[in-house]
N, C-alpha and C. Protein backbone atom coordinates (compact mmCIF):
# COMPACT_ATOMS: atom_id res chain seq x y z
N VAL A 1 7.25 17.10 3.71
CA VAL A 1 7.31 16.39 4.98
C VAL A 1 8.73 16.43 5.52
N LYS A 2 8.82 16.32 6.82
CA LYS A 2 10.12 16.43 7.47
C LYS A 2 10.96 15.16 7.30
N ASN A 3 10.34 14.02 7.51
CA ASN A 3 11.08 12.75 7.47
C ASN A 3 10.61 11.89 6.30
N GLY A 4 11.58 11.29 5.62
CA GLY A 4 11.26 10.39 4.52
C GLY A 4 10.94 8.99 5.01
N LYS A 5 10.58 8.13 4.08
CA LYS A 5 10.30 6.74 4.40
C LYS A 5 11.55 6.08 4.98
N PRO A 6 11.43 5.23 5.97
CA PRO A 6 10.24 4.54 6.44
C PRO A 6 9.42 5.27 7.50
N ALA A 7 9.72 6.53 7.79
CA ALA A 7 8.88 7.30 8.70
C ALA A 7 7.48 7.43 8.08
N PRO A 8 6.45 7.53 8.88
CA PRO A 8 5.08 7.58 8.36
C PRO A 8 4.64 8.94 7.84
N ASP A 9 5.50 9.94 7.93
CA ASP A 9 5.12 11.32 7.64
C ASP A 9 4.39 11.53 6.31
N ILE A 10 4.86 10.93 5.24
CA ILE A 10 4.27 11.17 3.92
C ILE A 10 2.83 10.68 3.86
N TYR A 11 2.55 9.54 4.48
CA TYR A 11 1.20 9.01 4.45
C TYR A 11 0.29 9.73 5.43
N LEU A 12 0.82 10.18 6.55
CA LEU A 12 0.03 10.98 7.46
C LEU A 12 -0.37 12.31 6.81
N GLU A 13 0.56 12.92 6.09
CA GLU A 13 0.27 14.17 5.40
C GLU A 13 -0.74 13.96 4.27
N ALA A 14 -0.60 12.87 3.54
CA ALA A 14 -1.55 12.58 2.45
C ALA A 14 -2.97 12.40 3.01
N ALA A 15 -3.10 11.65 4.10
CA ALA A 15 -4.42 11.45 4.70
C ALA A 15 -4.99 12.78 5.19
N LYS A 16 -4.15 13.59 5.79
CA LYS A 16 -4.59 14.90 6.27
C LYS A 16 -5.11 15.75 5.12
N ARG A 17 -4.38 15.78 4.02
CA ARG A 17 -4.80 16.59 2.87
C ARG A 17 -6.07 16.05 2.23
N LEU A 18 -6.27 14.74 2.31
CA LEU A 18 -7.49 14.14 1.78
C LEU A 18 -8.67 14.29 2.74
N GLY A 19 -8.37 14.65 3.97
CA GLY A 19 -9.41 14.82 4.97
C GLY A 19 -9.97 13.51 5.49
N VAL A 20 -9.11 12.48 5.54
CA VAL A 20 -9.54 11.17 6.03
C VAL A 20 -8.55 10.66 7.07
N HIS A 21 -9.00 9.70 7.85
CA HIS A 21 -8.11 9.04 8.81
C HIS A 21 -7.20 8.09 8.04
N PRO A 22 -5.96 7.94 8.44
CA PRO A 22 -5.05 7.02 7.73
C PRO A 22 -5.60 5.60 7.57
N SER A 23 -6.40 5.16 8.52
CA SER A 23 -6.96 3.81 8.42
C SER A 23 -7.92 3.65 7.24
N GLU A 24 -8.33 4.77 6.66
CA GLU A 24 -9.21 4.74 5.48
C GLU A 24 -8.41 4.77 4.18
N CYS A 25 -7.09 4.79 4.29
CA CYS A 25 -6.21 4.87 3.11
C CYS A 25 -5.65 3.50 2.76
N LEU A 26 -5.56 3.26 1.46
CA LEU A 26 -4.95 2.03 0.97
C LEU A 26 -3.68 2.40 0.22
N VAL A 27 -2.57 1.91 0.72
CA VAL A 27 -1.25 2.23 0.19
C VAL A 27 -0.78 1.09 -0.71
N PHE A 28 -0.27 1.44 -1.87
CA PHE A 28 0.37 0.47 -2.76
C PHE A 28 1.86 0.77 -2.75
N GLU A 29 2.67 -0.21 -2.41
CA GLU A 29 4.11 0.00 -2.32
C GLU A 29 4.88 -1.15 -2.93
N ASP A 30 5.99 -0.79 -3.58
CA ASP A 30 6.87 -1.81 -4.15
C ASP A 30 8.15 -1.98 -3.35
N ALA A 31 8.36 -1.13 -2.37
CA ALA A 31 9.58 -1.16 -1.56
C ALA A 31 9.23 -1.43 -0.09
N LEU A 32 10.08 -2.17 0.59
CA LEU A 32 9.83 -2.52 1.98
C LEU A 32 9.74 -1.28 2.87
N HIS A 33 10.63 -0.31 2.69
CA HIS A 33 10.57 0.92 3.50
C HIS A 33 9.25 1.65 3.29
N GLY A 34 8.76 1.66 2.08
CA GLY A 34 7.48 2.31 1.81
C GLY A 34 6.33 1.58 2.48
N ALA A 35 6.35 0.26 2.43
CA ALA A 35 5.31 -0.53 3.09
C ALA A 35 5.35 -0.31 4.60
N GLN A 36 6.55 -0.27 5.17
CA GLN A 36 6.69 0.00 6.60
C GLN A 36 6.15 1.38 6.94
N SER A 37 6.41 2.34 6.08
CA SER A 37 5.93 3.71 6.27
C SER A 37 4.41 3.76 6.31
N GLY A 38 3.78 3.12 5.33
CA GLY A 38 2.32 3.09 5.29
C GLY A 38 1.71 2.42 6.50
N LYS A 39 2.27 1.29 6.89
CA LYS A 39 1.76 0.56 8.05
C LYS A 39 1.95 1.37 9.33
N SER A 40 3.10 2.04 9.48
CA SER A 40 3.35 2.86 10.66
C SER A 40 2.38 4.03 10.76
N ALA A 41 1.91 4.50 9.61
CA ALA A 41 0.95 5.61 9.59
C ALA A 41 -0.46 5.14 9.96
N GLY A 42 -0.67 3.83 9.94
CA GLY A 42 -1.98 3.30 10.25
C GLY A 42 -2.81 2.98 9.01
N CYS A 43 -2.18 3.01 7.85
CA CYS A 43 -2.86 2.71 6.59
C CYS A 43 -2.90 1.21 6.36
N ARG A 44 -3.76 0.79 5.45
CA ARG A 44 -3.75 -0.58 4.96
C ARG A 44 -2.74 -0.61 3.83
N VAL A 45 -2.01 -1.70 3.70
CA VAL A 45 -0.91 -1.76 2.74
C VAL A 45 -1.04 -2.95 1.80
N VAL A 46 -0.98 -2.66 0.50
CA VAL A 46 -0.88 -3.70 -0.52
C VAL A 46 0.53 -3.61 -1.09
N ALA A 47 1.29 -4.67 -0.91
CA ALA A 47 2.65 -4.69 -1.43
C ALA A 47 2.64 -5.27 -2.84
N VAL A 48 3.35 -4.58 -3.72
CA VAL A 48 3.56 -5.04 -5.09
C VAL A 48 5.08 -5.06 -5.25
N PRO A 49 5.73 -6.07 -4.65
CA PRO A 49 7.19 -6.06 -4.56
C PRO A 49 7.89 -6.03 -5.91
N ASP A 50 8.97 -5.30 -5.92
CA ASP A 50 9.89 -5.34 -7.05
C ASP A 50 10.29 -6.80 -7.21
N PRO A 51 10.33 -7.31 -8.43
CA PRO A 51 10.65 -8.73 -8.64
C PRO A 51 12.00 -9.16 -8.05
N ARG A 52 12.88 -8.21 -7.81
CA ARG A 52 14.19 -8.56 -7.24
C ARG A 52 14.15 -8.73 -5.73
N ILE A 53 13.00 -8.47 -5.11
CA ILE A 53 12.87 -8.53 -3.65
C ILE A 53 12.01 -9.74 -3.27
N GLU A 54 12.43 -10.46 -2.25
CA GLU A 54 11.68 -11.61 -1.76
C GLU A 54 10.33 -11.15 -1.20
N LYS A 55 9.25 -11.73 -1.66
CA LYS A 55 7.91 -11.35 -1.21
C LYS A 55 7.72 -11.57 0.29
N GLN A 56 8.37 -12.58 0.84
CA GLN A 56 8.20 -12.90 2.26
C GLN A 56 8.63 -11.75 3.17
N LEU A 57 9.52 -10.89 2.70
CA LEU A 57 9.96 -9.75 3.50
C LEU A 57 8.81 -8.81 3.84
N PHE A 58 7.77 -8.82 3.04
CA PHE A 58 6.63 -7.92 3.23
C PHE A 58 5.56 -8.50 4.14
N SER A 59 5.66 -9.77 4.48
CA SER A 59 4.57 -10.44 5.20
C SER A 59 4.24 -9.83 6.55
N SER A 60 5.19 -9.21 7.20
CA SER A 60 4.91 -8.63 8.52
C SER A 60 4.32 -7.22 8.44
N VAL A 61 4.37 -6.58 7.27
CA VAL A 61 3.87 -5.20 7.17
C VAL A 61 2.73 -5.03 6.17
N ALA A 62 2.59 -5.94 5.24
CA ALA A 62 1.56 -5.78 4.21
C ALA A 62 0.30 -6.54 4.58
N ASP A 63 -0.84 -5.96 4.27
CA ASP A 63 -2.12 -6.63 4.47
C ASP A 63 -2.40 -7.60 3.32
N GLU A 64 -1.78 -7.32 2.19
CA GLU A 64 -1.90 -8.18 1.02
C GLU A 64 -0.63 -8.03 0.18
N ILE A 65 -0.20 -9.11 -0.44
CA ILE A 65 0.97 -9.08 -1.32
C ILE A 65 0.51 -9.61 -2.67
N ILE A 66 0.74 -8.82 -3.72
CA ILE A 66 0.36 -9.24 -5.07
C ILE A 66 1.58 -9.15 -5.98
N GLY A 67 1.55 -9.93 -7.05
CA GLY A 67 2.70 -9.97 -7.96
C GLY A 67 2.79 -8.77 -8.88
N ASP A 68 1.63 -8.23 -9.26
CA ASP A 68 1.59 -7.02 -10.09
C ASP A 68 0.22 -6.38 -9.93
N MET A 69 0.05 -5.19 -10.44
CA MET A 69 -1.19 -4.45 -10.25
C MET A 69 -2.38 -5.12 -10.94
N TRP A 70 -2.14 -5.93 -11.96
CA TRP A 70 -3.23 -6.63 -12.64
C TRP A 70 -3.87 -7.68 -11.73
N GLN A 71 -3.21 -8.04 -10.64
CA GLN A 71 -3.76 -9.01 -9.70
C GLN A 71 -4.61 -8.35 -8.62
N PHE A 72 -4.67 -7.02 -8.61
CA PHE A 72 -5.42 -6.33 -7.56
C PHE A 72 -6.91 -6.55 -7.72
N SER A 73 -7.55 -6.94 -6.63
CA SER A 73 -9.00 -7.09 -6.57
C SER A 73 -9.53 -6.15 -5.50
N GLY A 74 -10.28 -5.17 -5.92
CA GLY A 74 -10.81 -4.18 -4.98
C GLY A 74 -11.89 -4.71 -4.07
N SER A 75 -12.50 -5.84 -4.41
CA SER A 75 -13.61 -6.35 -3.61
C SER A 75 -13.21 -6.59 -2.15
N ARG A 76 -11.99 -6.99 -1.93
CA ARG A 76 -11.51 -7.22 -0.56
C ARG A 76 -11.52 -5.92 0.25
N TRP A 77 -11.40 -4.80 -0.44
CA TRP A 77 -11.27 -3.50 0.21
C TRP A 77 -12.52 -2.64 0.07
N GLY A 78 -13.57 -3.19 -0.51
CA GLY A 78 -14.79 -2.41 -0.69
C GLY A 78 -14.68 -1.42 -1.84
N ILE A 79 -13.81 -1.72 -2.78
CA ILE A 79 -13.57 -0.85 -3.94
C ILE A 79 -14.09 -1.57 -5.18
N PRO A 80 -14.96 -0.93 -5.95
CA PRO A 80 -15.51 -1.59 -7.13
C PRO A 80 -14.52 -1.58 -8.31
N LEU A 81 -13.44 -2.32 -8.17
CA LEU A 81 -12.43 -2.37 -9.21
C LEU A 81 -11.78 -3.75 -9.24
N GLU A 82 -11.83 -4.38 -10.39
CA GLU A 82 -11.17 -5.65 -10.61
C GLU A 82 -10.22 -5.45 -11.77
N MET A 83 -8.94 -5.32 -11.46
CA MET A 83 -7.96 -5.02 -12.50
C MET A 83 -7.95 -6.09 -13.59
N ALA A 84 -8.16 -7.35 -13.24
CA ALA A 84 -8.12 -8.43 -14.22
C ALA A 84 -9.22 -8.29 -15.27
N GLU A 85 -10.28 -7.54 -14.94
CA GLU A 85 -11.38 -7.36 -15.89
C GLU A 85 -11.18 -6.21 -16.85
N LEU A 86 -10.17 -5.40 -16.63
CA LEU A 86 -9.92 -4.25 -17.50
C LEU A 86 -9.17 -4.66 -18.76
N ASP A 87 -9.42 -3.95 -19.83
CA ASP A 87 -8.66 -4.19 -21.06
C ASP A 87 -7.25 -3.68 -20.85
N ARG A 88 -6.31 -4.47 -21.32
CA ARG A 88 -4.91 -4.06 -21.17
C ARG A 88 -4.48 -3.28 -22.36
């Protein structure tokens, strides 16, 4: 891709290669620039912030903010996956 994050290029290219519209993509990001990139591309964004970053910074760009991947519940997104139910 030509431009790096926070430009949307990487997510637009990923959606193109998958053959789907960006709005059908769910982005997981731990960095604010990455979350901004996904949102700018038109994707849905789940922020999993680095513990050193204030979670509130993601509130304007993330559709959901979780503390770690074990908190992810796919039911909100129509995905049959509940991370909390998996064996660690």
